[in-house]
PDB file of all heavy atoms in Angstrom:
ATOM      1  N   THR A   1       9.359  -3.313  10.140  1.00  0.00           N
ATOM      2  CA  THR A   1       8.025  -3.189   9.538  1.00  0.00           C
ATOM      3  C   THR A   1       7.072  -4.158  10.223  1.00  0.00           C
ATOM      4  O   THR A   1       7.154  -5.371  10.006  1.00  0.00           O
ATOM      5  CB  THR A   1       8.084  -3.495   8.028  1.00  0.00           C
ATOM      6  OG1 THR A   1       9.097  -2.686   7.434  1.00  0.00           O
ATOM      7  CG2 THR A   1       6.746  -3.218   7.369  1.00  0.00           C
ATOM      8  N   PRO A   2       6.161  -3.679  11.062  1.00  0.00           N
ATOM      9  CA  PRO A   2       5.291  -4.591  11.817  1.00  0.00           C
ATOM     10  C   PRO A   2       4.090  -5.101  11.032  1.00  0.00           C
ATOM     11  O   PRO A   2       3.566  -6.174  11.328  1.00  0.00           O
ATOM     12  CB  PRO A   2       4.831  -3.728  12.989  1.00  0.00           C
ATOM     13  CG  PRO A   2       4.853  -2.331  12.457  1.00  0.00           C
ATOM     14  CD  PRO A   2       5.987  -2.277  11.475  1.00  0.00           C
ATOM     15  N   LEU A   3       3.636  -4.345  10.014  1.00  0.00           N
ATOM     16  CA  LEU A   3       2.412  -4.697   9.291  1.00  0.00           C
ATOM     17  C   LEU A   3       2.736  -5.005   7.837  1.00  0.00           C
ATOM     18  O   LEU A   3       3.763  -4.561   7.306  1.00  0.00           O
ATOM     19  CB  LEU A   3       1.408  -3.542   9.373  1.00  0.00           C
ATOM     20  CG  LEU A   3       0.945  -3.165  10.783  1.00  0.00           C
ATOM     21  CD1 LEU A   3       0.070  -1.914  10.736  1.00  0.00           C
ATOM     22  CD2 LEU A   3       0.201  -4.310  11.439  1.00  0.00           C
ATOM     23  N   PRO A   4       1.862  -5.757   7.163  1.00  0.00           N
ATOM     24  CA  PRO A   4       2.107  -6.073   5.752  1.00  0.00           C
ATOM     25  C   PRO A   4       2.322  -4.822   4.916  1.00  0.00           C
ATOM     26  O   PRO A   4       1.647  -3.817   5.073  1.00  0.00           O
ATOM     27  CB  PRO A   4       0.836  -6.812   5.329  1.00  0.00           C
ATOM     28  CG  PRO A   4       0.339  -7.449   6.593  1.00  0.00           C
ATOM     29  CD  PRO A   4       0.655  -6.450   7.671  1.00  0.00           C
ATOM     30  N   ASP A   5       3.309  -4.932   4.004  1.00  0.00           N
ATOM     31  CA  ASP A   5       3.657  -3.804   3.144  1.00  0.00           C
ATOM     32  C   ASP A   5       4.217  -4.387   1.850  1.00  0.00           C
ATOM     33  O   ASP A   5       5.270  -5.024   1.861  1.00  0.00           O
ATOM     34  CB  ASP A   5       4.691  -2.913   3.835  1.00  0.00           C
ATOM     35  CG  ASP A   5       5.027  -1.663   3.046  1.00  0.00           C
ATOM     36  OD1 ASP A   5       5.429  -1.793   1.881  1.00  0.00           O
ATOM     37  OD2 ASP A   5       4.905  -0.558   3.609  1.00  0.00           O
ATOM     38  N   ALA A   6       3.525  -4.170   0.739  1.00  0.00           N
ATOM     39  CA  ALA A   6       3.903  -4.803  -0.526  1.00  0.00           C
ATOM     40  C   ALA A   6       5.307  -4.399  -0.971  1.00  0.00           C
ATOM     41  O   ALA A   6       6.097  -5.242  -1.422  1.00  0.00           O
ATOM     42  CB  ALA A   6       2.888  -4.457  -1.605  1.00  0.00           C
ATOM     43  N   ALA A   7       5.641  -3.104  -0.842  1.00  0.00           N
ATOM     44  CA  ALA A   7       6.949  -2.629  -1.302  1.00  0.00           C
ATOM     45  C   ALA A   7       8.074  -3.212  -0.453  1.00  0.00           C
ATOM     46  O   ALA A   7       9.109  -3.639  -0.975  1.00  0.00           O
ATOM     47  CB  ALA A   7       6.986  -1.103  -1.271  1.00  0.00           C
ATOM     48  N   VAL A   8       7.878  -3.227   0.855  1.00  0.00           N
ATOM     49  CA  VAL A   8       8.893  -3.779   1.743  1.00  0.00           C
ATOM     50  C   VAL A   8       9.061  -5.283   1.492  1.00  0.00           C
ATOM     51  O   VAL A   8      10.177  -5.805   1.439  1.00  0.00           O
ATOM     52  CB  VAL A   8       8.520  -3.514   3.216  1.00  0.00           C
ATOM     53  CG1 VAL A   8       9.462  -4.277   4.153  1.00  0.00           C
ATOM     54  CG2 VAL A   8       8.586  -2.021   3.516  1.00  0.00           C
ATOM     55  N   ALA A   9       7.938  -5.981   1.332  1.00  0.00           N
ATOM     56  CA  ALA A   9       7.995  -7.426   1.070  1.00  0.00           C
ATOM     57  C   ALA A   9       8.769  -7.715  -0.211  1.00  0.00           C
ATOM     58  O   ALA A   9       9.588  -8.654  -0.265  1.00  0.00           O
ATOM     59  CB  ALA A   9       6.587  -8.003   0.975  1.00  0.00           C
ATOM     60  N   ALA A  10       8.535  -6.910  -1.260  1.00  0.00           N
ATOM     61  CA  ALA A  10       9.240  -7.113  -2.527  1.00  0.00           C
ATOM     62  C   ALA A  10      10.733  -6.865  -2.363  1.00  0.00           C
ATOM     63  O   ALA A  10      11.567  -7.590  -2.927  1.00  0.00           O
ATOM     64  CB  ALA A  10       8.660  -6.184  -3.593  1.00  0.00           C
ATOM     65  N   SER A  11      11.102  -5.849  -1.581  1.00  0.00           N
ATOM     66  CA  SER A  11      12.515  -5.539  -1.355  1.00  0.00           C
ATOM     67  C   SER A  11      13.209  -6.674  -0.606  1.00  0.00           C
ATOM     68  O   SER A  11      14.333  -7.069  -0.942  1.00  0.00           O
ATOM     69  CB  SER A  11      12.633  -4.225  -0.577  1.00  0.00           C
ATOM     70  OG  SER A  11      13.982  -3.921  -0.312  1.00  0.00           O
ATOM     71  N   ILE A  12      12.533  -7.221   0.406  1.00  0.00           N
ATOM     72  CA  ILE A  12      13.117  -8.321   1.181  1.00  0.00           C
ATOM     73  C   ILE A  12      13.232  -9.577   0.314  1.00  0.00           C
ATOM     74  O   ILE A  12      14.214 -10.321   0.390  1.00  0.00           O
ATOM     75  CB  ILE A  12      12.263  -8.589   2.433  1.00  0.00           C
ATOM     76  CG1 ILE A  12      12.293  -7.377   3.363  1.00  0.00           C
ATOM     77  CG2 ILE A  12      12.766  -9.824   3.181  1.00  0.00           C
ATOM     78  CD1 ILE A  12      11.302  -7.456   4.507  1.00  0.00           C
ATOM     79  N   ASP A  13      12.228  -9.795  -0.538  1.00  0.00           N
ATOM     80  CA  ASP A  13      12.261 -10.949  -1.445  1.00  0.00           C
ATOM     81  C   ASP A  13      13.455 -10.858  -2.390  1.00  0.00           C
ATOM     82  O   ASP A  13      14.142 -11.855  -2.657  1.00  0.00           O
ATOM     83  CB  ASP A  13      10.954 -10.998  -2.232  1.00  0.00           C
ATOM     84  CG  ASP A  13      10.831 -12.261  -3.076  1.00  0.00           C
ATOM     85  OD1 ASP A  13      11.261 -13.334  -2.606  1.00  0.00           O
ATOM     86  OD2 ASP A  13      10.302 -12.187  -4.188  1.00  0.00           O
ATOM     87  N   THR A  14      13.727  -9.671  -2.900  1.00  0.00           N
ATOM     88  CA  THR A  14      14.880  -9.460  -3.784  1.00  0.00           C
ATOM     89  C   THR A  14      16.185  -9.769  -3.045  1.00  0.00           C
ATOM     90  O   THR A  14      17.089 -10.407  -3.592  1.00  0.00           O
ATOM     91  CB  THR A  14      14.903  -8.015  -4.308  1.00  0.00           C
ATOM     92  OG1 THR A  14      13.706  -7.771  -5.052  1.00  0.00           O
ATOM     93  CG2 THR A  14      16.116  -7.774  -5.193  1.00  0.00           C
ATOM     94  N   ALA A  15      16.273  -9.327  -1.804  1.00  0.00           N
ATOM     95  CA  ALA A  15      17.471  -9.602  -1.007  1.00  0.00           C
ATOM     96  C   ALA A  15      17.629 -11.092  -0.727  1.00  0.00           C
ATOM     97  O   ALA A  15      18.751 -11.610  -0.693  1.00  0.00           O
ATOM     98  CB  ALA A  15      17.403  -8.828   0.312  1.00  0.00           C
ATOM     99  N   ALA A  16      16.510 -11.786  -0.539  1.00  0.00           N
ATOM    100  CA  ALA A  16      16.568 -13.235  -0.313  1.00  0.00           C
ATOM    101  C   ALA A  16      17.162 -13.949  -1.517  1.00  0.00           C
ATOM    102  O   ALA A  16      18.010 -14.839  -1.387  1.00  0.00           O
ATOM    103  CB  ALA A  16      15.168 -13.772  -0.019  1.00  0.00           C
ATOM    104  N   ARG A  17      16.738 -13.545  -2.705  1.00  0.00           N
ATOM    105  CA  ARG A  17      17.268 -14.165  -3.926  1.00  0.00           C
ATOM    106  C   ARG A  17      18.757 -13.882  -4.074  1.00  0.00           C
ATOM    107  O   ARG A  17      19.530 -14.750  -4.495  1.00  0.00           O
ATOM    108  CB  ARG A  17      16.509 -13.660  -5.146  1.00  0.00           C
ATOM    109  CG  ARG A  17      15.016 -14.001  -5.133  1.00  0.00           C
ATOM    110  CD  ARG A  17      14.393 -13.588  -6.440  1.00  0.00           C
ATOM    111  NE  ARG A  17      12.957 -13.414  -6.336  1.00  0.00           N
ATOM    112  CZ  ARG A  17      12.112 -13.606  -7.324  1.00  0.00           C
ATOM    113  NH1 ARG A  17      12.555 -14.002  -8.489  1.00  0.00           N
ATOM    114  NH2 ARG A  17      10.813 -13.411  -7.164  1.00  0.00           N
ATOM    115  N   ALA A  18      19.153 -12.655  -3.742  1.00  0.00           N
ATOM    116  CA  ALA A  18      20.571 -12.299  -3.842  1.00  0.00           C
ATOM    117  C   ALA A  18      21.410 -13.115  -2.855  1.00  0.00           C
ATOM    118  O   ALA A  18      22.506 -13.577  -3.185  1.00  0.00           O
ATOM    119  CB  ALA A  18      20.752 -10.798  -3.578  1.00  0.00           C
ATOM    120  N   ALA A  19      20.883 -13.304  -1.642  1.00  0.00           N
ATOM    121  CA  ALA A  19      21.601 -14.109  -0.650  1.00  0.00           C
ATOM    122  C   ALA A  19      21.745 -15.548  -1.124  1.00  0.00           C
ATOM    123  O   ALA A  19      22.799 -16.174  -0.973  1.00  0.00           O
ATOM    124  CB  ALA A  19      20.865 -14.065   0.689  1.00  0.00           C
ATOM    125  N   ALA A  20      20.687 -16.096  -1.735  1.00  0.00           N
ATOM    126  CA  ALA A  20      20.749 -17.468  -2.245  1.00  0.00           C
ATOM    127  C   ALA A  20      21.762 -17.581  -3.369  1.00  0.00           C
ATOM    128  O   ALA A  20      22.491 -18.582  -3.467  1.00  0.00           O
ATOM    129  CB  ALA A  20      19.368 -17.905  -2.730  1.00  0.00           C
ATOM    130  N   ALA A  21      21.833 -16.566  -4.225  1.00  0.00           N
ATOM    131  CA  ALA A  21      22.788 -16.590  -5.339  1.00  0.00           C
ATOM    132  C   ALA A  21      24.221 -16.616  -4.822  1.00  0.00           C
ATOM    133  O   ALA A  21      25.111 -17.159  -5.491  1.00  0.00           O
ATOM    134  CB  ALA A  21      22.571 -15.369  -6.231  1.00  0.00           C
ATOM    135  N   ARG A  22      24.453 -16.064  -3.637  1.00  0.00           N
ATOM    136  CA  ARG A  22      25.793 -16.091  -3.036  1.00  0.00           C
ATOM    137  C   ARG A  22      26.038 -17.372  -2.251  1.00  0.00           C
ATOM    138  O   ARG A  22      27.120 -17.562  -1.703  1.00  0.00           O
ATOM    139  CB  ARG A  22      25.974 -14.886  -2.104  1.00  0.00           C
ATOM    140  CG  ARG A  22      26.006 -13.541  -2.797  1.00  0.00           C
ATOM    141  CD  ARG A  22      26.632 -12.483  -1.893  1.00  0.00           C
ATOM    142  NE  ARG A  22      25.899 -12.349  -0.643  1.00  0.00           N
ATOM    143  CZ  ARG A  22      24.875 -11.509  -0.455  1.00  0.00           C
ATOM    144  NH1 ARG A  22      24.446 -10.776  -1.455  1.00  0.00           N
ATOM    145  NH2 ARG A  22      24.284 -11.417   0.703  1.00  0.00           N
ATOM    146  N   GLY A  23      25.021 -18.216  -2.137  1.00  0.00           N
ATOM    147  CA  GLY A  23      25.184 -19.454  -1.387  1.00  0.00           C
ATOM    148  C   GLY A  23      24.768 -19.363   0.066  1.00  0.00           C
ATOM    149  O   GLY A  23      24.901 -20.339   0.803  1.00  0.00           O
ATOM    150  N   ALA A  24      24.243 -18.207   0.498  1.00  0.00           N
ATOM    151  CA  ALA A  24      23.803 -18.038   1.887  1.00  0.00           C
ATOM    152  C   ALA A  24      22.350 -18.494   2.002  1.00  0.00           C
ATOM    153  O   ALA A  24      21.427 -17.693   2.184  1.00  0.00           O
ATOM    154  CB  ALA A  24      23.956 -16.587   2.323  1.00  0.00           C
ATOM    155  N   HIS A  25      22.110 -19.808   1.912  1.00  0.00           N
ATOM    156  CA  HIS A  25      20.748 -20.326   1.814  1.00  0.00           C
ATOM    157  C   HIS A  25      19.960 -20.176   3.117  1.00  0.00           C
ATOM    158  O   HIS A  25      18.756 -19.943   3.090  1.00  0.00           O
ATOM    159  CB  HIS A  25      20.783 -21.783   1.373  1.00  0.00           C
ATOM    160  CG  HIS A  25      21.396 -21.964   0.018  1.00  0.00           C
ATOM    161  ND1 HIS A  25      20.806 -21.488  -1.123  1.00  0.00           N
ATOM    162  CD2 HIS A  25      22.564 -22.538  -0.370  1.00  0.00           C
ATOM    163  CE1 HIS A  25      21.574 -21.774  -2.169  1.00  0.00           C
ATOM    164  NE2 HIS A  25      22.639 -22.407  -1.736  1.00  0.00           N
ATOM    165  N   SER A  26      20.610 -20.325   4.253  1.00  0.00           N
ATOM    166  CA  SER A  26      19.906 -20.165   5.528  1.00  0.00           C
ATOM    167  C   SER A  26      19.391 -18.735   5.687  1.00  0.00           C
ATOM    168  O   SER A  26      18.252 -18.510   6.105  1.00  0.00           O
ATOM    169  CB  SER A  26      20.829 -20.528   6.695  1.00  0.00           C
ATOM    170  OG  SER A  26      21.171 -21.884   6.659  1.00  0.00           O
ATOM    171  N   VAL A  27      20.248 -17.771   5.358  1.00  0.00           N
ATOM    172  CA  VAL A  27      19.845 -16.362   5.417  1.00  0.00           C
ATOM    173  C   VAL A  27      18.717 -16.100   4.422  1.00  0.00           C
ATOM    174  O   VAL A  27      17.725 -15.432   4.739  1.00  0.00           O
ATOM    175  CB  VAL A  27      21.054 -15.450   5.119  1.00  0.00           C
ATOM    176  CG1 VAL A  27      20.610 -13.992   5.007  1.00  0.00           C
ATOM    177  CG2 VAL A  27      22.111 -15.609   6.195  1.00  0.00           C
ATOM    178  N   ALA A  28      18.860 -16.646   3.219  1.00  0.00           N
ATOM    179  CA  ALA A  28      17.838 -16.457   2.182  1.00  0.00           C
ATOM    180  C   ALA A  28      16.496 -17.013   2.626  1.00  0.00           C
ATOM    181  O   ALA A  28      15.447 -16.411   2.369  1.00  0.00           O
ATOM    182  CB  ALA A  28      18.287 -17.129   0.884  1.00  0.00           C
ATOM    183  N   ALA A  29      16.513 -18.157   3.297  1.00  0.00           N
ATOM    184  CA  ALA A  29      15.269 -18.774   3.752  1.00  0.00           C
ATOM    185  C   ALA A  29      14.552 -17.889   4.767  1.00  0.00           C
ATOM    186  O   ALA A  29      13.329 -17.697   4.694  1.00  0.00           O
ATOM    187  CB  ALA A  29      15.558 -20.146   4.356  1.00  0.00           C
ATOM    188  N   VAL A  30      15.299 -17.343   5.714  1.00  0.00           N
ATOM    189  CA  VAL A  30      14.705 -16.460   6.734  1.00  0.00           C
ATOM    190  C   VAL A  30      14.112 -15.211   6.078  1.00  0.00           C
ATOM    191  O   VAL A  30      12.991 -14.787   6.403  1.00  0.00           O
ATOM    192  CB  VAL A  30      15.765 -16.075   7.787  1.00  0.00           C
ATOM    193  CG1 VAL A  30      15.218 -15.004   8.724  1.00  0.00           C
ATOM    194  CG2 VAL A  30      16.195 -17.300   8.582  1.00  0.00           C
ATOM    195  N   LEU A  31      14.846 -14.616   5.148  1.00  0.00           N
ATOM    196  CA  LEU A  31      14.359 -13.417   4.475  1.00  0.00           C
ATOM    197  C   LEU A  31      13.115 -13.710   3.637  1.00  0.00           C
ATOM    198  O   LEU A  31      12.154 -12.932   3.635  1.00  0.00           O
ATOM    199  CB  LEU A  31      15.461 -12.832   3.581  1.00  0.00           C
ATOM    200  CG  LEU A  31      16.637 -12.175   4.305  1.00  0.00           C
ATOM    201  CD1 LEU A  31      17.723 -11.797   3.310  1.00  0.00           C
ATOM    202  CD2 LEU A  31      16.187 -10.943   5.084  1.00  0.00           C
ATOM    203  N   ALA A  32      13.115 -14.843   2.931  1.00  0.00           N
ATOM    204  CA  ALA A  32      11.960 -15.184   2.099  1.00  0.00           C
ATOM    205  C   ALA A  32      10.713 -15.421   2.950  1.00  0.00           C
ATOM    206  O   ALA A  32       9.604 -15.029   2.573  1.00  0.00           O
ATOM    207  CB  ALA A  32      12.270 -16.415   1.257  1.00  0.00           C
ATOM    208  N   GLU A  33      10.893 -16.060   4.093  1.00  0.00           N
ATOM    209  CA  GLU A  33       9.742 -16.261   4.993  1.00  0.00           C
ATOM    210  C   GLU A  33       9.215 -14.925   5.498  1.00  0.00           C
ATOM    211  O   GLU A  33       7.996 -14.723   5.610  1.00  0.00           O
ATOM    212  CB  GLU A  33      10.139 -17.160   6.160  1.00  0.00           C
ATOM    213  CG  GLU A  33      10.214 -18.631   5.816  1.00  0.00           C
ATOM    214  CD  GLU A  33      10.093 -19.507   7.050  1.00  0.00           C
ATOM    215  OE1 GLU A  33       9.072 -19.394   7.761  1.00  0.00           O
ATOM    216  OE2 GLU A  33      11.033 -20.293   7.302  1.00  0.00           O
ATOM    217  N   ARG A  34      10.130 -14.012   5.813  1.00  0.00           N
ATOM    218  CA  ARG A  34       9.692 -12.702   6.288  1.00  0.00           C
ATOM    219  C   ARG A  34       8.998 -11.927   5.171  1.00  0.00           C
ATOM    220  O   ARG A  34       8.004 -11.219   5.404  1.00  0.00           O
ATOM    221  CB  ARG A  34      10.896 -11.905   6.811  1.00  0.00           C
ATOM    222  CG  ARG A  34      10.532 -10.582   7.469  1.00  0.00           C
ATOM    223  CD  ARG A  34       9.593 -10.766   8.633  1.00  0.00           C
ATOM    224  NE  ARG A  34       9.198  -9.488   9.222  1.00  0.00           N
ATOM    225  CZ  ARG A  34       8.116  -9.307   9.962  1.00  0.00           C
ATOM    226  NH1 ARG A  34       7.309 -10.338  10.207  1.00  0.00           N
ATOM    227  NH2 ARG A  34       7.835  -8.132  10.463  1.00  0.00           N
ATOM    228  N   ALA A  35       9.483 -12.066   3.936  1.00  0.00           N
ATOM    229  CA  ALA A  35       8.830 -11.429   2.795  1.00  0.00           C
ATOM    230  C   ALA A  35       7.405 -11.951   2.651  1.00  0.00           C
ATOM    231  O   ALA A  35       6.476 -11.181   2.373  1.00  0.00           O
ATOM    232  CB  ALA A  35       9.624 -11.693   1.523  1.00  0.00           C
TER     233      ALA A  35
END
């Protein structure tokens, strides 16, 4: 996704939280920044 997109950003944000809940904080940080 090259341009801002609210739905895509929300989906990536959800995945970031899920990654953090599993302890994958580095992955979660990258996803949250992209969101």
